[in-house]
C-alpha atoms as a PDB file:
ATOM      1  CA  UNK A   1       0.000   0.000   0.000  1.00  0.00           C
ATOM      2  CA  UNK A   2       1.450   3.367  -0.960  1.00  0.00           C
ATOM      3  CA  UNK A   3       1.569   6.499   1.184  1.00  0.00           C
ATOM      4  CA  UNK A   4      -1.201   8.236  -0.727  1.00  0.00           C
ATOM      5  CA  UNK A   5      -3.594   5.375  -0.027  1.00  0.00           C
ATOM      6  CA  UNK A   6      -2.787   5.334   3.679  1.00  0.00           C
ATOM      7  CA  UNK A   7      -3.166   9.110   3.898  1.00  0.00           C
ATOM      8  CA  UNK A   8      -6.539   8.936   2.123  1.00  0.00           C
ATOM      9  CA  UNK A   9      -7.709   6.246   4.560  1.00  0.00           C
ATOM     10  CA  UNK A  10      -6.742   8.502   7.455  1.00  0.00           C
ATOM     11  CA  UNK A  11      -8.565  11.365   5.723  1.00  0.00           C
ATOM     12  CA  UNK A  12     -11.732   9.258   5.505  1.00  0.00           C
ATOM     13  CA  UNK A  13     -11.428   8.202   9.157  1.00  0.00           C
ATOM     14  CA  UNK A  14     -11.142  11.824  10.252  1.00  0.00           C
ATOM     15  CA  UNK A  15     -14.176  12.779   8.158  1.00  0.00           C
ATOM     16  CA  UNK A  16     -16.146   9.957   9.804  1.00  0.00           C
ATOM     17  CA  UNK A  17     -15.071  11.123  13.263  1.00  0.00           C
ATOM     18  CA  UNK A  18     -16.092  14.677  12.381  1.00  0.00           C
ATOM     19  CA  UNK A  19     -19.554  13.423  11.425  1.00  0.00           C
ATOM     20  CA  UNK A  20     -19.870  11.773  14.862  1.00  0.00           C
ATOM     21  CA  UNK A  21     -18.491  14.719  16.855  1.00  0.00           C
ATOM     22  CA  UNK A  22     -20.704  16.072  19.618  1.00  0.00           C
ATOM     23  CA  UNK A  23     -19.440  19.631  19.601  1.00  0.00           C
ATOM     24  CA  UNK A  24     -18.690  22.150  16.877  1.00  0.00           C
ATOM     25  CA  UNK A  25     -15.107  22.538  18.114  1.00  0.00           C
ATOM     26  CA  UNK A  26     -14.484  18.776  17.992  1.00  0.00           C
ATOM     27  CA  UNK A  27     -15.980  18.581  14.520  1.00  0.00           C
ATOM     28  CA  UNK A  28     -13.815  21.479  13.369  1.00  0.00           C
ATOM     29  CA  UNK A  29     -10.681  19.844  14.771  1.00  0.00           C
ATOM     30  CA  UNK A  30     -11.423  16.527  13.041  1.00  0.00           C
ATOM     31  CA  UNK A  31     -11.993  18.391   9.771  1.00  0.00           C
ATOM     32  CA  UNK A  32      -8.637  20.157  10.179  1.00  0.00           C
ATOM     33  CA  UNK A  33      -6.998  16.765  10.672  1.00  0.00           C
ATOM     34  CA  UNK A  34      -8.804  15.489   7.583  1.00  0.00           C
ATOM     35  CA  UNK A  35      -7.613  18.443   5.516  1.00  0.00           C
ATOM     36  CA  UNK A  36      -4.038  17.767   6.543  1.00  0.00           C
ATOM     37  CA  UNK A  37      -4.291  14.062   5.640  1.00  0.00           C
ATOM     38  CA  UNK A  38      -5.735  15.005   2.259  1.00  0.00           C
ATOM     39  CA  UNK A  39      -2.894  17.481   1.691  1.00  0.00           C
ATOM     40  CA  UNK A  40      -0.392  14.726   2.474  1.00  0.00           C
ATOM     41  CA  UNK A  41      -2.211  12.274   0.187  1.00  0.00           C
ATOM     42  CA  UNK A  42      -2.172  14.701  -2.718  1.00  0.00           C
ATOM     43  CA  UNK A  43       1.523  15.433  -2.170  1.00  0.00           C
ATOM     44  CA  UNK A  44       2.380  11.713  -2.045  1.00  0.00           C
ATOM     45  CA  UNK A  45       0.308  11.043  -5.154  1.00  0.00           C
ATOM     46  CA  UNK A  46       1.891  13.955  -7.001  1.00  0.00           C
ATOM     47  CA  UNK A  47       5.328  12.619  -6.121  1.00  0.00           C
ATOM     48  CA  UNK A  48       4.306   9.170  -7.291  1.00  0.00           C
ATOM     49  CA  UNK A  49       2.910  10.625 -10.510  1.00  0.00           C
ATOM     50  CA  UNK A  50       6.118  12.556 -11.064  1.00  0.00           C
ATOM     51  CA  UNK A  51       8.144   9.394 -10.476  1.00  0.00           C
ATOM     52  CA  UNK A  52       5.974   7.209 -12.751  1.00  0.00           C
ATOM     53  CA  UNK A  53       4.367   9.666 -15.171  1.00  0.00           C
ATOM     54  CA  UNK A  54       0.806   8.599 -14.212  1.00  0.00           C
ATOM     55  CA  UNK A  55      -1.939  11.222 -13.668  1.00  0.00           C
ATOM     56  CA  UNK A  56      -3.347  11.897 -10.180  1.00  0.00           C
ATOM     57  CA  UNK A  57      -7.053  12.483  -9.418  1.00  0.00           C
ATOM     58  CA  UNK A  58      -8.037  14.811  -6.555  1.00  0.00           C
ATOM     59  CA  UNK A  59     -10.882  12.548  -5.380  1.00  0.00           C
END
């Protein structure tokens, strides 16, 4: 499993936790975590694309 896949899984987990959050501040924090995981996923995928020449999709 490559880094982009792992980062996207973490992104999805954070989004799920945000959906279950009881307070607006907890939800906001989970969404910030999710945004960071997505940023890391996109960076890893871009690096992989650069290394292999394959296109990367945002979602």
